[in-house]
Amino acid sequence: MKMNAPILLCWAVVIMLAVFSLLLLAGKGSCLIAGYNTSSKEKKQRYDKKRLCRVVGSGMGVLAIMLGIATFYRFEMPANLSWIIPWGILGTIVIVEILASTICKKKSSTTNQ
């Protein structure tokens, strides 16, 4: 029974990440995206809100799955997972950051003719 409280805390974080991921995937959680909700209206208009929510929600879902796997193994994972989880988390964060700053931007509506 020892080490039960930290594992329960990890499962609580996994559940919280999963709920936030579902909220973002539904396009309703833009207030949860750091930097977006504090931006000015002009900066917010540069981004497609639904697409940004989907990208961040997908990334958060991947992070929830990876943390869930690590918690399932009680952070004593098999050798092949012991390096995949940390690099997977780092890679997911980098990919979400790149996608948020590229495909989530609206195309400019003004064209020179």
PDB file of N, CA and C in Angstrom:
ATOM      1  N   MET A   1       0.802  -1.200   0.000  1.00  0.00           N
ATOM      2  CA  MET A   1       0.000   0.000   0.000  1.00  0.00           C
ATOM      3  C   MET A   1       0.846   1.265   0.000  1.00  0.00           C
ATOM      4  N   LYS A   2       2.150   1.174   0.217  1.00  0.00           N
ATOM      5  CA  LYS A   2       2.900   2.418   0.191  1.00  0.00           C
ATOM      6  C   LYS A   2       3.058   2.891  -1.247  1.00  0.00           C
ATOM      7  N   MET A   3       3.305   4.162  -1.400  1.00  0.00           N
ATOM      8  CA  MET A   3       3.389   4.833  -2.694  1.00  0.00           C
ATOM      9  C   MET A   3       2.023   4.902  -3.381  1.00  0.00           C
ATOM     10  N   ASN A   4       0.953   4.747  -2.646  1.00  0.00           N
ATOM     11  CA  ASN A   4      -0.375   4.788  -3.237  1.00  0.00           C
ATOM     12  C   ASN A   4      -0.812   6.217  -3.544  1.00  0.00           C
ATOM     13  N   ALA A   5      -0.515   7.152  -2.643  1.00  0.00           N
ATOM     14  CA  ALA A   5      -0.947   8.534  -2.838  1.00  0.00           C
ATOM     15  C   ALA A   5      -0.310   9.176  -4.071  1.00  0.00           C
ATOM     16  N   PRO A   6       0.996   9.012  -4.322  1.00  0.00           N
ATOM     17  CA  PRO A   6       1.556   9.603  -5.543  1.00  0.00           C
ATOM     18  C   PRO A   6       0.963   9.015  -6.822  1.00  0.00           C
ATOM     19  N   ILE A   7       0.678   7.727  -6.810  1.00  0.00           N
ATOM     20  CA  ILE A   7       0.087   7.106  -7.997  1.00  0.00           C
ATOM     21  C   ILE A   7      -1.330   7.629  -8.215  1.00  0.00           C
ATOM     22  N   LEU A   8      -2.088   7.789  -7.142  1.00  0.00           N
ATOM     23  CA  LEU A   8      -3.437   8.353  -7.272  1.00  0.00           C
ATOM     24  C   LEU A   8      -3.376   9.786  -7.785  1.00  0.00           C
ATOM     25  N   LEU A   9      -2.390  10.533  -7.336  1.00  0.00           N
ATOM     26  CA  LEU A   9      -2.217  11.901  -7.813  1.00  0.00           C
ATOM     27  C   LEU A   9      -1.895  11.909  -9.309  1.00  0.00           C
ATOM     28  N   CYS A  10      -1.050  10.991  -9.745  1.00  0.00           N
ATOM     29  CA  CYS A  10      -0.731  10.891 -11.179  1.00  0.00           C
ATOM     30  C   CYS A  10      -1.968  10.539 -11.993  1.00  0.00           C
ATOM     31  N   TRP A  11      -2.789   9.607 -11.486  1.00  0.00           N
ATOM     32  CA  TRP A  11      -4.022   9.267 -12.201  1.00  0.00           C
ATOM     33  C   TRP A  11      -4.968  10.463 -12.250  1.00  0.00           C
ATOM     34  N   ALA A  12      -4.992  11.264 -11.188  1.00  0.00           N
ATOM     35  CA  ALA A  12      -5.831  12.468 -11.187  1.00  0.00           C
ATOM     36  C   ALA A  12      -5.360  13.449 -12.265  1.00  0.00           C
ATOM     37  N   VAL A  13      -4.051  13.576 -12.430  1.00  0.00           N
ATOM     38  CA  VAL A  13      -3.510  14.455 -13.469  1.00  0.00           C
ATOM     39  C   VAL A  13      -3.847  13.907 -14.855  1.00  0.00           C
ATOM     40  N   VAL A  14      -3.761  12.596 -15.038  1.00  0.00           N
ATOM     41  CA  VAL A  14      -4.110  11.982 -16.326  1.00  0.00           C
ATOM     42  C   VAL A  14      -5.575  12.261 -16.655  1.00  0.00           C
ATOM     43  N   ILE A  15      -6.448  12.090 -15.684  1.00  0.00           N
ATOM     44  CA  ILE A  15      -7.878  12.342 -15.905  1.00  0.00           C
ATOM     45  C   ILE A  15      -8.118  13.817 -16.214  1.00  0.00           C
ATOM     46  N   MET A  16      -7.439  14.701 -15.489  1.00  0.00           N
ATOM     47  CA  MET A  16      -7.582  16.137 -15.731  1.00  0.00           C
ATOM     48  C   MET A  16      -7.116  16.498 -17.147  1.00  0.00           C
ATOM     49  N   LEU A  17      -5.974  15.953 -17.570  1.00  0.00           N
ATOM     50  CA  LEU A  17      -5.486  16.210 -18.925  1.00  0.00           C
ATOM     51  C   LEU A  17      -6.459  15.675 -19.972  1.00  0.00           C
ATOM     52  N   ALA A  18      -7.035  14.508 -19.719  1.00  0.00           N
ATOM     53  CA  ALA A  18      -7.987  13.927 -20.665  1.00  0.00           C
ATOM     54  C   ALA A  18      -9.246  14.787 -20.779  1.00  0.00           C
ATOM     55  N   VAL A  19      -9.739  15.282 -19.666  1.00  0.00           N
ATOM     56  CA  VAL A  19     -10.935  16.141 -19.689  1.00  0.00           C
ATOM     57  C   VAL A  19     -10.639  17.446 -20.425  1.00  0.00           C
ATOM     58  N   PHE A  20      -9.487  18.062 -20.130  1.00  0.00           N
ATOM     59  CA  PHE A  20      -9.115  19.295 -20.828  1.00  0.00           C
ATOM     60  C   PHE A  20      -8.917  19.038 -22.321  1.00  0.00           C
ATOM     61  N   SER A  21      -8.362  17.876 -22.653  1.00  0.00           N
ATOM     62  CA  SER A  21      -8.169  17.523 -24.054  1.00  0.00           C
ATOM     63  C   SER A  21      -9.509  17.417 -24.771  1.00  0.00           C
ATOM     64  N   LEU A  22     -10.472  16.745 -24.155  1.00  0.00           N
ATOM     65  CA  LEU A  22     -11.798  16.628 -24.767  1.00  0.00           C
ATOM     66  C   LEU A  22     -12.468  17.988 -24.911  1.00  0.00           C
ATOM     67  N   LEU A  23     -12.291  18.838 -23.915  1.00  0.00           N
ATOM     68  CA  LEU A  23     -12.862  20.180 -23.971  1.00  0.00           C
ATOM     69  C   LEU A  23     -12.252  20.976 -25.124  1.00  0.00           C
ATOM     70  N   LEU A  24     -10.939  20.876 -25.278  1.00  0.00           N
ATOM     71  CA  LEU A  24     -10.273  21.585 -26.370  1.00  0.00           C
ATOM     72  C   LEU A  24     -10.621  20.987 -27.730  1.00  0.00           C
ATOM     73  N   LEU A  25     -10.709  19.671 -27.809  1.00  0.00           N
ATOM     74  CA  LEU A  25     -11.064  19.036 -29.081  1.00  0.00           C
ATOM     75  C   LEU A  25     -12.472  19.416 -29.528  1.00  0.00           C
ATOM     76  N   ALA A  26     -13.332  19.731 -28.580  1.00  0.00           N
ATOM     77  CA  ALA A  26     -14.679  20.190 -28.918  1.00  0.00           C
ATOM     78  C   ALA A  26     -14.674  21.651 -29.363  1.00  0.00           C
ATOM     79  N   GLY A  27     -13.526  22.319 -29.236  1.00  0.00           N
ATOM     80  CA  GLY A  27     -13.411  23.710 -29.660  1.00  0.00           C
ATOM     81  C   GLY A  27     -13.920  24.708 -28.648  1.00  0.00           C
ATOM     82  N   LYS A  28     -14.112  24.286 -27.416  1.00  0.00           N
ATOM     83  CA  LYS A  28     -14.719  25.147 -26.406  1.00  0.00           C
ATOM     84  C   LYS A  28     -13.747  25.652 -25.341  1.00  0.00           C
ATOM     85  N   GLY A  29     -12.489  25.253 -25.389  1.00  0.00           N
ATOM     86  CA  GLY A  29     -11.595  25.572 -24.284  1.00  0.00           C
ATOM     87  C   GLY A  29     -10.484  26.535 -24.618  1.00  0.00           C
ATOM     88  N   SER A  30     -10.741  27.507 -25.481  1.00  0.00           N
ATOM     89  CA  SER A  30      -9.667  28.427 -25.851  1.00  0.00           C
ATOM     90  C   SER A  30      -9.165  29.235 -24.657  1.00  0.00           C
ATOM     91  N   CYS A  31      -9.976  29.352 -23.618  1.00  0.00           N
ATOM     92  CA  CYS A  31      -9.538  30.080 -22.425  1.00  0.00           C
ATOM     93  C   CYS A  31      -8.463  29.310 -21.661  1.00  0.00           C
ATOM     94  N   LEU A  32      -8.270  28.026 -21.987  1.00  0.00           N
ATOM     95  CA  LEU A  32      -7.256  27.211 -21.318  1.00  0.00           C
ATOM     96  C   LEU A  32      -5.889  27.301 -21.986  1.00  0.00           C
ATOM     97  N   ILE A  33      -5.817  27.929 -23.148  1.00  0.00           N
ATOM     98  CA  ILE A  33      -4.555  28.000 -23.884  1.00  0.00           C
ATOM     99  C   ILE A  33      -3.771  29.213 -23.398  1.00  0.00           C
ATOM    100  N   ALA A  34      -2.631  28.929 -22.785  1.00  0.00           N
ATOM    101  CA  ALA A  34      -1.796  30.004 -22.241  1.00  0.00           C
ATOM    102  C   ALA A  34      -1.303  30.894 -23.377  1.00  0.00           C
ATOM    103  N   GLY A  35      -1.426  32.173 -23.181  1.00  0.00           N
ATOM    104  CA  GLY A  35      -0.977  33.122 -24.187  1.00  0.00           C
ATOM    105  C   GLY A  35      -2.077  33.539 -25.141  1.00  0.00           C
ATOM    106  N   TYR A  36      -2.991  32.640 -25.445  1.00  0.00           N
ATOM    107  CA  TYR A  36      -4.065  32.991 -26.374  1.00  0.00           C
ATOM    108  C   TYR A  36      -5.119  33.843 -25.678  1.00  0.00           C
ATOM    109  N   ASN A  37      -5.518  33.431 -24.492  1.00  0.00           N
ATOM    110  CA  ASN A  37      -6.595  34.168 -23.819  1.00  0.00           C
ATOM    111  C   ASN A  37      -6.123  35.507 -23.262  1.00  0.00           C
ATOM    112  N   THR A  38      -4.820  35.714 -23.153  1.00  0.00           N
ATOM    113  CA  THR A  38      -4.312  37.001 -22.668  1.00  0.00           C
ATOM    114  C   THR A  38      -3.879  37.907 -23.813  1.00  0.00           C
ATOM    115  N   SER A  39      -4.006  37.432 -25.048  1.00  0.00           N
ATOM    116  CA  SER A  39      -3.610  38.227 -26.209  1.00  0.00           C
ATOM    117  C   SER A  39      -4.635  39.315 -26.486  1.00  0.00           C
ATOM    118  N   SER A  40      -4.182  40.312 -27.212  1.00  0.00           N
ATOM    119  CA  SER A  40      -5.100  41.374 -27.618  1.00  0.00           C
ATOM    120  C   SER A  40      -6.045  40.835 -28.691  1.00  0.00           C
ATOM    121  N   LYS A  41      -7.111  41.563 -28.947  1.00  0.00           N
ATOM    122  CA  LYS A  41      -8.086  41.125 -29.949  1.00  0.00           C
ATOM    123  C   LYS A  41      -7.456  41.042 -31.333  1.00  0.00           C
ATOM    124  N   GLU A  42      -6.524  41.945 -31.616  1.00  0.00           N
ATOM    125  CA  GLU A  42      -5.857  41.921 -32.920  1.00  0.00           C
ATOM    126  C   GLU A  42      -5.044  40.642 -33.095  1.00  0.00           C
ATOM    127  N   LYS A  43      -4.336  40.236 -32.051  1.00  0.00           N
ATOM    128  CA  LYS A  43      -3.541  39.007 -32.134  1.00  0.00           C
ATOM    129  C   LYS A  43      -4.439  37.774 -32.189  1.00  0.00           C
ATOM    130  N   LYS A  44      -5.544  37.792 -31.461  1.00  0.00           N
ATOM    131  CA  LYS A  44      -6.471  36.655 -31.492  1.00  0.00           C
ATOM    132  C   LYS A  44      -7.076  36.474 -32.874  1.00  0.00           C
ATOM    133  N   GLN A  45      -7.283  37.569 -33.589  1.00  0.00           N
ATOM    134  CA  GLN A  45      -7.883  37.483 -34.917  1.00  0.00           C
ATOM    135  C   GLN A  45      -6.939  36.859 -35.935  1.00  0.00           C
ATOM    136  N   ARG A  46      -5.662  36.768 -35.623  1.00  0.00           N
ATOM    137  CA  ARG A  46      -4.693  36.147 -36.535  1.00  0.00           C
ATOM    138  C   ARG A  46      -4.782  34.625 -36.539  1.00  0.00           C
ATOM    139  N   TYR A  47      -5.430  34.047 -35.527  1.00  0.00           N
ATOM    140  CA  TYR A  47      -5.465  32.595 -35.378  1.00  0.00           C
ATOM    141  C   TYR A  47      -6.864  32.048 -35.593  1.00  0.00           C
ATOM    142  N   ASP A  48      -6.930  30.854 -36.149  1.00  0.00           N
ATOM    143  CA  ASP A  48      -8.180  30.112 -36.273  1.00  0.00           C
ATOM    144  C   ASP A  48      -8.419  29.429 -34.923  1.00  0.00           C
ATOM    145  N   LYS A  49      -9.392  29.931 -34.190  1.00  0.00           N
ATOM    146  CA  LYS A  49      -9.623  29.480 -32.812  1.00  0.00           C
ATOM    147  C   LYS A  49      -9.938  27.987 -32.736  1.00  0.00           C
ATOM    148  N   LYS A  50     -10.801  27.502 -33.615  1.00  0.00           N
ATOM    149  CA  LYS A  50     -11.172  26.075 -33.584  1.00  0.00           C
ATOM    150  C   LYS A  50      -9.974  25.184 -33.897  1.00  0.00           C
ATOM    151  N   ARG A  51      -9.193  25.562 -34.900  1.00  0.00           N
ATOM    152  CA  ARG A  51      -8.031  24.760 -35.273  1.00  0.00           C
ATOM    153  C   ARG A  51      -6.988  24.775 -34.157  1.00  0.00           C
ATOM    154  N   LEU A  52      -6.783  25.924 -33.537  1.00  0.00           N
ATOM    155  CA  LEU A  52      -5.833  26.024 -32.430  1.00  0.00           C
ATOM    156  C   LEU A  52      -6.275  25.138 -31.269  1.00  0.00           C
ATOM    157  N   CYS A  53      -7.566  25.152 -30.969  1.00  0.00           N
ATOM    158  CA  CYS A  53      -8.087  24.290 -29.901  1.00  0.00           C
ATOM    159  C   CYS A  53      -7.877  22.816 -30.235  1.00  0.00           C
ATOM    160  N   ARG A  54      -8.090  22.444 -31.485  1.00  0.00           N
ATOM    161  CA  ARG A  54      -7.903  21.040 -31.876  1.00  0.00           C
ATOM    162  C   ARG A  54      -6.446  20.611 -31.791  1.00  0.00           C
ATOM    163  N   VAL A  55      -5.536  21.481 -32.219  1.00  0.00           N
ATOM    164  CA  VAL A  55      -4.109  21.141 -32.173  1.00  0.00           C
ATOM    165  C   VAL A  55      -3.647  20.980 -30.730  1.00  0.00           C
ATOM    166  N   VAL A  56      -3.993  21.939 -29.885  1.00  0.00           N
ATOM    167  CA  VAL A  56      -3.580  21.870 -28.481  1.00  0.00           C
ATOM    168  C   VAL A  56      -4.279  20.708 -27.777  1.00  0.00           C
ATOM    169  N   GLY A  57      -5.548  20.468 -28.084  1.00  0.00           N
ATOM    170  CA  GLY A  57      -6.271  19.343 -27.491  1.00  0.00           C
ATOM    171  C   GLY A  57      -5.693  18.002 -27.892  1.00  0.00           C
ATOM    172  N   SER A  58      -5.286  17.875 -29.151  1.00  0.00           N
ATOM    173  CA  SER A  58      -4.653  16.627 -29.603  1.00  0.00           C
ATOM    174  C   SER A  58      -3.337  16.394 -28.875  1.00  0.00           C
ATOM    175  N   GLY A  59      -2.546  17.447 -28.765  1.00  0.00           N
ATOM    176  CA  GLY A  59      -1.279  17.327 -28.044  1.00  0.00           C
ATOM    177  C   GLY A  59      -1.486  16.968 -26.586  1.00  0.00           C
ATOM    178  N   MET A  60      -2.484  17.581 -25.979  1.00  0.00           N
ATOM    179  CA  MET A  60      -2.762  17.280 -24.581  1.00  0.00           C
ATOM    180  C   MET A  60      -3.262  15.848 -24.418  1.00  0.00           C
ATOM    181  N   GLY A  61      -4.006  15.355 -25.388  1.00  0.00           N
ATOM    182  CA  GLY A  61      -4.447  13.963 -25.350  1.00  0.00           C
ATOM    183  C   GLY A  61      -3.279  12.993 -25.439  1.00  0.00           C
ATOM    184  N   VAL A  62      -2.326  13.299 -26.313  1.00  0.00           N
ATOM    185  CA  VAL A  62      -1.131  12.454 -26.428  1.00  0.00           C
ATOM    186  C   VAL A  62      -0.345  12.472 -25.122  1.00  0.00           C
ATOM    187  N   LEU A  63      -0.215  13.650 -24.516  1.00  0.00           N
ATOM    188  CA  LEU A  63       0.485  13.747 -23.230  1.00  0.00           C
ATOM    189  C   LEU A  63      -0.241  12.956 -22.147  1.00  0.00           C
ATOM    190  N   ALA A  64      -1.576  12.998 -22.156  1.00  0.00           N
ATOM    191  CA  ALA A  64      -2.347  12.235 -21.169  1.00  0.00           C
ATOM    192  C   ALA A  64      -2.125  10.738 -21.346  1.00  0.00           C
ATOM    193  N   ILE A  65      -2.078  10.288 -22.587  1.00  0.00           N
ATOM    194  CA  ILE A  65      -1.844   8.861 -22.849  1.00  0.00           C
ATOM    195  C   ILE A  65      -0.459   8.450 -22.375  1.00  0.00           C
ATOM    196  N   MET A  66       0.548   9.264 -22.686  1.00  0.00           N
ATOM    197  CA  MET A  66       1.912   8.911 -22.269  1.00  0.00           C
ATOM    198  C   MET A  66       2.058   8.912 -20.751  1.00  0.00           C
ATOM    199  N   LEU A  67       1.465   9.900 -20.087  1.00  0.00           N
ATOM    200  CA  LEU A  67       1.521   9.918 -18.628  1.00  0.00           C
ATOM    201  C   LEU A  67       0.722   8.758 -18.046  1.00  0.00           C
ATOM    202  N   GLY A  68      -0.379   8.392 -18.697  1.00  0.00           N
ATOM    203  CA  GLY A  68      -1.155   7.237 -18.253  1.00  0.00           C
ATOM    204  C   GLY A  68      -0.370   5.943 -18.358  1.00  0.00           C
ATOM    205  N   ILE A  69       0.394   5.789 -19.438  1.00  0.00           N
ATOM    206  CA  ILE A  69       1.236   4.596 -19.588  1.00  0.00           C
ATOM    207  C   ILE A  69       2.300   4.561 -18.499  1.00  0.00           C
ATOM    208  N   ALA A  70       2.945   5.707 -18.264  1.00  0.00           N
ATOM    209  CA  ALA A  70       3.978   5.763 -17.221  1.00  0.00           C
ATOM    210  C   ALA A  70       3.385   5.478 -15.848  1.00  0.00           C
ATOM    211  N   THR A  71       2.193   5.988 -15.584  1.00  0.00           N
ATOM    212  CA  THR A  71       1.552   5.751 -14.294  1.00  0.00           C
ATOM    213  C   THR A  71       1.122   4.296 -14.157  1.00  0.00           C
ATOM    214  N   PHE A  72       0.654   3.707 -15.244  1.00  0.00           N
ATOM    215  CA  PHE A  72       0.257   2.298 -15.219  1.00  0.00           C
ATOM    216  C   PHE A  72       1.428   1.411 -14.800  1.00  0.00           C
ATOM    217  N   TYR A  73       2.592   1.717 -15.316  1.00  0.00           N
ATOM    218  CA  TYR A  73       3.788   0.946 -14.958  1.00  0.00           C
ATOM    219  C   TYR A  73       4.434   1.445 -13.663  1.00  0.00           C
ATOM    220  N   ARG A  74       3.783   2.387 -12.999  1.00  0.00           N
ATOM    221  CA  ARG A  74       4.294   2.976 -11.758  1.00  0.00           C
ATOM    222  C   ARG A  74       5.708   3.510 -11.943  1.00  0.00           C
ATOM    223  N   PHE A  75       5.942   4.104 -13.102  1.00  0.00           N
ATOM    224  CA  PHE A  75       7.211   4.724 -13.474  1.00  0.00           C
ATOM    225  C   PHE A  75       8.381   3.749 -13.427  1.00  0.00           C
ATOM    226  N   GLU A  76       8.106   2.447 -13.459  1.00  0.00           N
ATOM    227  CA  GLU A  76       9.138   1.409 -13.573  1.00  0.00           C
ATOM    228  C   GLU A  76       8.867   0.660 -14.871  1.00  0.00           C
ATOM    229  N   MET A  77       9.052   1.366 -15.968  1.00  0.00           N
ATOM    230  CA  MET A  77       8.664   0.866 -17.275  1.00  0.00           C
ATOM    231  C   MET A  77       9.692  -0.104 -17.844  1.00  0.00           C
ATOM    232  N   PRO A  78       9.243  -0.910 -18.809  1.00  0.00           N
ATOM    233  CA  PRO A  78      10.200  -1.760 -19.526  1.00  0.00           C
ATOM    234  C   PRO A  78      11.254  -0.896 -20.222  1.00  0.00           C
ATOM    235  N   ALA A  79      12.358  -1.497 -20.565  1.00  0.00           N
ATOM    236  CA  ALA A  79      13.490  -0.753 -21.126  1.00  0.00           C
ATOM    237  C   ALA A  79      13.122   0.022 -22.389  1.00  0.00           C
ATOM    238  N   ASN A  80      12.272  -0.555 -23.233  1.00  0.00           N
ATOM    239  CA  ASN A  80      11.933   0.141 -24.471  1.00  0.00           C
ATOM    240  C   ASN A  80      11.032   1.352 -24.244  1.00  0.00           C
ATOM    241  N   LEU A  81      10.297   1.398 -23.165  1.00  0.00           N
ATOM    242  CA  LEU A  81       9.448   2.556 -22.872  1.00  0.00           C
ATOM    243  C   LEU A  81      10.155   3.605 -22.031  1.00  0.00           C
ATOM    244  N   SER A  82      11.218   3.231 -21.374  1.00  0.00           N
ATOM    245  CA  SER A  82      11.860   4.165 -20.446  1.00  0.00           C
ATOM    246  C   SER A  82      12.467   5.368 -21.156  1.00  0.00           C
ATOM    247  N   TRP A  83      12.806   5.235 -22.414  1.00  0.00           N
ATOM    248  CA  TRP A  83      13.320   6.391 -23.144  1.00  0.00           C
ATOM    249  C   TRP A  83      12.287   6.977 -24.099  1.00  0.00           C
ATOM    250  N   ILE A  84      11.271   6.206 -24.469  1.00  0.00           N
ATOM    251  CA  ILE A  84      10.255   6.707 -25.394  1.00  0.00           C
ATOM    252  C   ILE A  84       9.366   7.757 -24.726  1.00  0.00           C
ATOM    253  N   ILE A  85       8.995   7.537 -23.485  1.00  0.00           N
ATOM    254  CA  ILE A  85       8.085   8.466 -22.798  1.00  0.00           C
ATOM    255  C   ILE A  85       8.696   9.870 -22.672  1.00  0.00           C
ATOM    256  N   PRO A  86       9.904  10.040 -22.124  1.00  0.00           N
ATOM    257  CA  PRO A  86      10.439  11.411 -22.016  1.00  0.00           C
ATOM    258  C   PRO A  86      10.630  12.093 -23.375  1.00  0.00           C
ATOM    259  N   TRP A  87      11.173  11.364 -24.350  1.00  0.00           N
ATOM    260  CA  TRP A  87      11.360  11.952 -25.674  1.00  0.00           C
ATOM    261  C   TRP A  87      10.021  12.177 -26.365  1.00  0.00           C
ATOM    262  N   GLY A  88       9.052  11.334 -26.098  1.00  0.00           N
ATOM    263  CA  GLY A  88       7.723  11.518 -26.666  1.00  0.00           C
ATOM    264  C   GLY A  88       7.042  12.762 -26.127  1.00  0.00           C
ATOM    265  N   ILE A  89       7.212  13.006 -24.841  1.00  0.00           N
ATOM    266  CA  ILE A  89       6.636  14.216 -24.243  1.00  0.00           C
ATOM    267  C   ILE A  89       7.295  15.455 -24.839  1.00  0.00           C
ATOM    268  N   LEU A  90       8.617  15.455 -24.912  1.00  0.00           N
ATOM    269  CA  LEU A  90       9.332  16.589 -25.489  1.00  0.00           C
ATOM    270  C   LEU A  90       8.945  16.789 -26.954  1.00  0.00           C
ATOM    271  N   GLY A  91       8.894  15.706 -27.715  1.00  0.00           N
ATOM    272  CA  GLY A  91       8.516  15.800 -29.125  1.00  0.00           C
ATOM    273  C   GLY A  91       7.103  16.307 -29.319  1.00  0.00           C
ATOM    274  N   THR A  92       6.187  15.863 -28.480  1.00  0.00           N
ATOM    275  CA  THR A  92       4.798  16.320 -28.573  1.00  0.00           C
ATOM    276  C   THR A  92       4.701  17.818 -28.320  1.00  0.00           C
ATOM    277  N   ILE A  93       5.416  18.297 -27.315  1.00  0.00           N
ATOM    278  CA  ILE A  93       5.390  19.728 -27.007  1.00  0.00           C
ATOM    279  C   ILE A  93       5.947  20.540 -28.173  1.00  0.00           C
ATOM    280  N   VAL A  94       7.050  20.085 -28.751  1.00  0.00           N
ATOM    281  CA  VAL A  94       7.655  20.799 -29.880  1.00  0.00           C
ATOM    282  C   VAL A  94       6.714  20.795 -31.083  1.00  0.00           C
ATOM    283  N   ILE A  95       6.118  19.652 -31.389  1.00  0.00           N
ATOM    284  CA  ILE A  95       5.213  19.556 -32.541  1.00  0.00           C
ATOM    285  C   ILE A  95       3.985  20.437 -32.352  1.00  0.00           C
ATOM    286  N   VAL A  96       3.411  20.436 -31.158  1.00  0.00           N
ATOM    287  CA  VAL A  96       2.239  21.287 -30.901  1.00  0.00           C
ATOM    288  C   VAL A  96       2.613  22.757 -31.048  1.00  0.00           C
ATOM    289  N   GLU A  97       3.774  23.136 -30.557  1.00  0.00           N
ATOM    290  CA  GLU A  97       4.218  24.531 -30.673  1.00  0.00           C
ATOM    291  C   GLU A  97       4.394  24.927 -32.138  1.00  0.00           C
ATOM    292  N   ILE A  98       5.001  24.058 -32.929  1.00  0.00           N
ATOM    293  CA  ILE A  98       5.201  24.354 -34.353  1.00  0.00           C
ATOM    294  C   ILE A  98       3.860  24.437 -35.080  1.00  0.00           C
ATOM    295  N   LEU A  99       2.977  23.477 -34.832  1.00  0.00           N
ATOM    296  CA  LEU A  99       1.676  23.489 -35.496  1.00  0.00           C
ATOM    297  C   LEU A  99       0.841  24.695 -35.084  1.00  0.00           C
ATOM    298  N   ALA A 100       0.913  25.073 -33.818  1.00  0.00           N
ATOM    299  CA  ALA A 100       0.133  26.218 -33.345  1.00  0.00           C
ATOM    300  C   ALA A 100       0.591  27.514 -34.003  1.00  0.00           C
ATOM    301  N   SER A 101       1.873  27.606 -34.320  1.00  0.00           N
ATOM    302  CA  SER A 101       2.361  28.846 -34.921  1.00  0.00           C
ATOM    303  C   SER A 101       2.367  28.810 -36.448  1.00  0.00           C
ATOM    304  N   THR A 102       2.006  27.682 -37.054  1.00  0.00           N
ATOM    305  CA  THR A 102       1.980  27.625 -38.521  1.00  0.00           C
ATOM    306  C   THR A 102       0.569  27.373 -39.050  1.00  0.00           C
ATOM    307  N   ILE A 103       0.036  26.178 -38.862  1.00  0.00           N
ATOM    308  CA  ILE A 103      -1.244  25.860 -39.505  1.00  0.00           C
ATOM    309  C   ILE A 103      -2.442  26.499 -38.810  1.00  0.00           C
ATOM    310  N   CYS A 104      -2.250  27.001 -37.614  1.00  0.00           N
ATOM    311  CA  CYS A 104      -3.379  27.603 -36.895  1.00  0.00           C
ATOM    312  C   CYS A 104      -3.552  29.079 -37.215  1.00  0.00           C
ATOM    313  N   LYS A 105      -2.605  29.654 -37.926  1.00  0.00           N
ATOM    314  CA  LYS A 105      -2.744  31.057 -38.306  1.00  0.00           C
ATOM    315  C   LYS A 105      -3.697  31.170 -39.487  1.00  0.00           C
ATOM    316  N   LYS A 106      -4.524  32.201 -39.446  1.00  0.00           N
ATOM    317  CA  LYS A 106      -5.435  32.454 -40.560  1.00  0.00           C
ATOM    318  C   LYS A 106      -4.634  32.995 -41.731  1.00  0.00           C
ATOM    319  N   LYS A 107      -5.078  32.641 -42.909  1.00  0.00           N
ATOM    320  CA  LYS A 107      -4.451  33.199 -44.102  1.00  0.00           C
ATOM    321  C   LYS A 107      -4.936  34.635 -44.244  1.00  0.00           C
ATOM    322  N   SER A 108      -4.075  35.511 -44.703  1.00  0.00           N
ATOM    323  CA  SER A 108      -4.485  36.911 -44.808  1.00  0.00           C
ATOM    324  C   SER A 108      -5.564  37.036 -45.874  1.00  0.00           C
ATOM    325  N   SER A 109      -6.580  37.797 -45.569  1.00  0.00           N
ATOM    326  CA  SER A 109      -7.724  37.926 -46.473  1.00  0.00           C
ATOM    327  C   SER A 109      -7.510  39.016 -47.510  1.00  0.00           C
ATOM    328  N   THR A 110      -6.464  39.802 -47.356  1.00  0.00           N
ATOM    329  CA  THR A 110      -6.203  40.860 -48.327  1.00  0.00           C
ATOM    330  C   THR A 110      -5.233  40.347 -49.377  1.00  0.00           C
ATOM    331  N   THR A 111      -5.614  40.485 -50.618  1.00  0.00           N
ATOM    332  CA  THR A 111      -4.749  40.069 -51.716  1.00  0.00           C
ATOM    333  C   THR A 111      -4.511  41.257 -52.627  1.00  0.00           C
ATOM    334  N   ASN A 112      -3.309  41.391 -53.085  1.00  0.00           N
ATOM    335  CA  ASN A 112      -2.974  42.482 -54.002  1.00  0.00           C
ATOM    336  C   ASN A 112      -3.302  42.054 -55.425  1.00  0.00           C
ATOM    337  N   GLN A 113      -4.041  42.900 -56.115  1.00  0.00           N
ATOM    338  CA  GLN A 113      -4.402  42.572 -57.493  1.00  0.00           C
ATOM    339  C   GLN A 113      -3.865  43.617 -58.420  1.00  0.00           C
TER     340      GLN A 113
END
